[in-house]
Amino acid sequence: MPSTEIDLADRIDTDIDHLVNQGEFVNREQAVEELLTLGLSAYGPAEETTEEPGEDVFNQHLDEQQDPAAMGEDPGDERPF
């Protein structure tokens, strides 16, 4: 497992110690690893799409259109165009 050395602000170091002492984590190593993982996942890359850019836009407009011949009779007095 790779190791990394970082310098933490005193406030963050104290917060990690409090979380460990409160039983939120088994030890300091687990706390740092899980907190870094949570932080990285919050800033991680967005979900990748498999569609080509613009491909869905064309299909979306086609899906939204209605065939006038497939429409039922309009119960109102107005005639459909």
N, C-alpha and C. Protein backbone atom coordinates (compact mmCIF):
# COMPACT_ATOMS: atom_id res chain seq x y z
N MET A 1 0.86 -1.17 0.00
CA MET A 1 0.00 0.00 0.00
C MET A 1 0.90 1.23 0.00
N PRO A 2 0.63 2.18 -0.90
CA PRO A 2 1.43 3.39 -0.92
C PRO A 2 1.23 4.21 0.35
N SER A 3 2.26 4.92 0.73
CA SER A 3 2.14 5.79 1.90
C SER A 3 2.37 7.23 1.47
N THR A 4 1.71 8.13 2.19
CA THR A 4 1.79 9.56 1.89
C THR A 4 1.97 10.31 3.18
N GLU A 5 2.79 11.33 3.12
CA GLU A 5 3.00 12.18 4.30
C GLU A 5 2.36 13.53 4.02
N ILE A 6 1.53 14.00 4.97
CA ILE A 6 0.86 15.29 4.81
C ILE A 6 1.00 16.10 6.09
N ASP A 7 0.93 17.39 5.96
CA ASP A 7 0.89 18.29 7.11
C ASP A 7 -0.54 18.77 7.27
N LEU A 8 -1.09 18.59 8.47
CA LEU A 8 -2.46 18.99 8.75
C LEU A 8 -2.48 20.20 9.67
N ALA A 9 -3.50 21.00 9.50
CA ALA A 9 -3.70 22.11 10.42
C ALA A 9 -4.03 21.52 11.80
N ASP A 10 -3.67 22.24 12.85
CA ASP A 10 -3.91 21.75 14.21
C ASP A 10 -5.39 21.42 14.44
N ARG A 11 -6.28 22.23 13.90
CA ARG A 11 -7.71 22.01 14.07
C ARG A 11 -8.15 20.67 13.47
N ILE A 12 -7.67 20.37 12.28
CA ILE A 12 -8.03 19.11 11.62
C ILE A 12 -7.45 17.93 12.37
N ASP A 13 -6.22 18.05 12.82
CA ASP A 13 -5.57 17.00 13.59
C ASP A 13 -6.35 16.71 14.88
N THR A 14 -6.79 17.77 15.53
CA THR A 14 -7.57 17.62 16.76
C THR A 14 -8.93 16.99 16.47
N ASP A 15 -9.57 17.40 15.38
CA ASP A 15 -10.86 16.82 15.00
C ASP A 15 -10.75 15.32 14.74
N ILE A 16 -9.68 14.90 14.07
CA ILE A 16 -9.48 13.47 13.81
C ILE A 16 -9.30 12.73 15.13
N ASP A 17 -8.51 13.29 16.04
CA ASP A 17 -8.32 12.66 17.36
C ASP A 17 -9.64 12.52 18.10
N HIS A 18 -10.49 13.55 18.04
CA HIS A 18 -11.79 13.49 18.71
C HIS A 18 -12.66 12.38 18.12
N LEU A 19 -12.66 12.25 16.81
CA LEU A 19 -13.46 11.21 16.16
C LEU A 19 -13.00 9.81 16.58
N VAL A 20 -11.70 9.63 16.68
CA VAL A 20 -11.15 8.33 17.11
C VAL A 20 -11.52 8.08 18.57
N ASN A 21 -11.35 9.09 19.42
CA ASN A 21 -11.65 8.94 20.85
C ASN A 21 -13.14 8.70 21.10
N GLN A 22 -13.99 9.23 20.24
CA GLN A 22 -15.43 9.03 20.39
C GLN A 22 -15.88 7.66 19.87
N GLY A 23 -14.96 6.93 19.26
CA GLY A 23 -15.29 5.60 18.76
C GLY A 23 -15.84 5.57 17.35
N GLU A 24 -15.78 6.70 16.65
CA GLU A 24 -16.24 6.74 15.26
C GLU A 24 -15.35 5.88 14.36
N PHE A 25 -14.08 5.77 14.72
CA PHE A 25 -13.11 4.97 13.97
C PHE A 25 -12.31 4.13 14.94
N VAL A 26 -11.81 3.01 14.45
CA VAL A 26 -11.03 2.10 15.30
C VAL A 26 -9.71 2.74 15.70
N ASN A 27 -9.06 3.38 14.74
CA ASN A 27 -7.78 4.04 15.02
C ASN A 27 -7.59 5.22 14.07
N ARG A 28 -6.51 5.92 14.27
CA ARG A 28 -6.24 7.13 13.50
C ARG A 28 -6.03 6.81 12.02
N GLU A 29 -5.36 5.73 11.73
CA GLU A 29 -5.10 5.34 10.33
C GLU A 29 -6.42 5.10 9.59
N GLN A 30 -7.35 4.39 10.21
CA GLN A 30 -8.64 4.15 9.59
C GLN A 30 -9.39 5.46 9.39
N ALA A 31 -9.32 6.35 10.38
CA ALA A 31 -10.02 7.63 10.29
C ALA A 31 -9.50 8.44 9.10
N VAL A 32 -8.20 8.54 8.98
CA VAL A 32 -7.62 9.34 7.89
C VAL A 32 -7.97 8.71 6.54
N GLU A 33 -7.87 7.40 6.44
CA GLU A 33 -8.17 6.73 5.18
C GLU A 33 -9.64 6.92 4.77
N GLU A 34 -10.57 6.73 5.70
CA GLU A 34 -11.98 6.87 5.37
C GLU A 34 -12.37 8.32 5.08
N LEU A 35 -11.80 9.25 5.84
CA LEU A 35 -12.11 10.66 5.61
C LEU A 35 -11.57 11.13 4.26
N LEU A 36 -10.39 10.68 3.90
CA LEU A 36 -9.84 11.02 2.58
C LEU A 36 -10.68 10.40 1.46
N THR A 37 -11.11 9.17 1.66
CA THR A 37 -11.94 8.50 0.66
C THR A 37 -13.26 9.24 0.46
N LEU A 38 -13.88 9.66 1.56
CA LEU A 38 -15.13 10.43 1.46
C LEU A 38 -14.90 11.75 0.73
N GLY A 39 -13.82 12.41 1.07
CA GLY A 39 -13.51 13.69 0.43
C GLY A 39 -13.24 13.53 -1.06
N LEU A 40 -12.51 12.50 -1.43
CA LEU A 40 -12.21 12.27 -2.84
C LEU A 40 -13.46 11.89 -3.62
N SER A 41 -14.34 11.12 -3.02
CA SER A 41 -15.56 10.73 -3.73
C SER A 41 -16.47 11.94 -3.94
N ALA A 42 -16.41 12.92 -3.05
CA ALA A 42 -17.22 14.13 -3.21
C ALA A 42 -16.72 14.96 -4.38
N TYR A 43 -15.44 14.88 -4.69
CA TYR A 43 -14.87 15.66 -5.78
C TYR A 43 -14.50 14.80 -6.96
N GLY A 44 -14.91 13.53 -6.95
CA GLY A 44 -14.56 12.60 -8.02
C GLY A 44 -15.19 12.98 -9.34
N PRO A 45 -14.77 12.30 -10.39
CA PRO A 45 -15.33 12.60 -11.71
C PRO A 45 -16.80 12.24 -11.77
N ALA A 46 -17.53 12.96 -12.60
CA ALA A 46 -18.96 12.70 -12.77
C ALA A 46 -19.14 11.37 -13.48
N GLU A 47 -20.35 10.84 -13.40
CA GLU A 47 -20.67 9.59 -14.08
C GLU A 47 -20.39 9.74 -15.56
N GLU A 48 -19.70 8.78 -16.14
CA GLU A 48 -19.41 8.83 -17.56
C GLU A 48 -20.59 8.28 -18.33
N THR A 49 -20.90 8.92 -19.45
CA THR A 49 -21.96 8.42 -20.29
C THR A 49 -21.37 7.70 -21.48
N THR A 50 -22.09 6.72 -21.99
CA THR A 50 -21.60 5.95 -23.12
C THR A 50 -22.10 6.51 -24.44
N GLU A 51 -23.00 7.50 -24.41
CA GLU A 51 -23.56 8.08 -25.62
C GLU A 51 -22.62 9.14 -26.17
N GLU A 52 -22.69 9.32 -27.47
CA GLU A 52 -21.92 10.37 -28.11
C GLU A 52 -22.58 11.71 -27.80
N PRO A 53 -21.79 12.78 -27.70
CA PRO A 53 -22.38 14.09 -27.44
C PRO A 53 -23.36 14.47 -28.54
N GLY A 54 -24.51 14.97 -28.15
CA GLY A 54 -25.51 15.41 -29.11
C GLY A 54 -26.42 14.30 -29.61
N GLU A 55 -26.05 13.06 -29.42
CA GLU A 55 -26.85 11.94 -29.92
C GLU A 55 -28.22 11.91 -29.26
N ASP A 56 -28.27 12.11 -27.96
CA ASP A 56 -29.52 12.03 -27.22
C ASP A 56 -30.44 13.20 -27.54
N VAL A 57 -29.88 14.36 -27.86
CA VAL A 57 -30.69 15.54 -28.15
C VAL A 57 -31.58 15.27 -29.36
N PHE A 58 -31.04 14.69 -30.40
CA PHE A 58 -31.82 14.40 -31.61
C PHE A 58 -32.92 13.39 -31.29
N ASN A 59 -32.58 12.33 -30.61
CA ASN A 59 -33.57 11.30 -30.28
C ASN A 59 -34.63 11.84 -29.33
N GLN A 60 -34.26 12.71 -28.44
CA GLN A 60 -35.22 13.28 -27.50
C GLN A 60 -36.30 14.06 -28.24
N HIS A 61 -35.91 14.85 -29.22
CA HIS A 61 -36.89 15.62 -29.97
C HIS A 61 -37.80 14.70 -30.78
N LEU A 62 -37.26 13.64 -31.32
CA LEU A 62 -38.09 12.70 -32.06
C LEU A 62 -39.09 12.02 -31.14
N ASP A 63 -38.66 11.68 -29.93
CA ASP A 63 -39.54 11.02 -28.99
C ASP A 63 -40.66 11.93 -28.53
N GLU A 64 -40.41 13.25 -28.49
CA GLU A 64 -41.41 14.20 -28.02
C GLU A 64 -42.46 14.53 -29.08
N GLN A 65 -42.14 14.27 -30.34
CA GLN A 65 -43.08 14.59 -31.41
C GLN A 65 -44.21 13.56 -31.45
N GLN A 66 -45.36 14.00 -31.91
CA GLN A 66 -46.51 13.11 -32.04
C GLN A 66 -46.95 13.05 -33.50
N ASP A 67 -47.35 11.89 -33.92
CA ASP A 67 -47.86 11.70 -35.27
C ASP A 67 -49.32 12.13 -35.28
N PRO A 68 -49.69 13.13 -36.08
CA PRO A 68 -51.08 13.59 -36.10
C PRO A 68 -52.06 12.48 -36.45
N ALA A 69 -51.68 11.53 -37.29
CA ALA A 69 -52.57 10.44 -37.67
C ALA A 69 -52.83 9.50 -36.50
N ALA A 70 -51.88 9.45 -35.55
CA ALA A 70 -52.04 8.56 -34.41
C ALA A 70 -52.83 9.20 -33.28
N MET A 71 -53.07 10.51 -33.37
CA MET A 71 -53.82 11.19 -32.32
C MET A 71 -55.30 10.82 -32.42
N GLY A 72 -55.96 10.77 -31.29
CA GLY A 72 -57.39 10.49 -31.27
C GLY A 72 -58.18 11.74 -31.60
N GLU A 73 -59.46 11.59 -31.71
CA GLU A 73 -60.35 12.72 -31.98
C GLU A 73 -60.32 13.68 -30.80
N ASP A 74 -60.29 14.98 -31.09
CA ASP A 74 -60.32 15.99 -30.05
C ASP A 74 -61.77 16.20 -29.62
N PRO A 75 -62.10 15.99 -28.35
CA PRO A 75 -63.48 16.11 -27.92
C PRO A 75 -63.99 17.56 -27.93
N GLY A 76 -63.10 18.55 -28.10
CA GLY A 76 -63.52 19.94 -28.09
C GLY A 76 -64.11 20.35 -29.43
N ASP A 77 -64.59 21.60 -29.52
CA ASP A 77 -65.19 22.13 -30.74
C ASP A 77 -64.14 22.52 -31.77
N GLU A 78 -62.90 22.71 -31.33
CA GLU A 78 -61.86 23.18 -32.24
C GLU A 78 -61.34 22.03 -33.07
N ARG A 79 -61.01 22.34 -34.30
CA ARG A 79 -60.43 21.33 -35.18
C ARG A 79 -58.92 21.35 -35.02
N PRO A 80 -58.29 20.20 -34.99
CA PRO A 80 -56.83 20.18 -34.89
C PRO A 80 -56.20 20.65 -36.18
N PHE A 81 -55.08 21.26 -36.11
CA PHE A 81 -54.37 21.78 -37.28
C PHE A 81 -53.60 20.69 -37.94
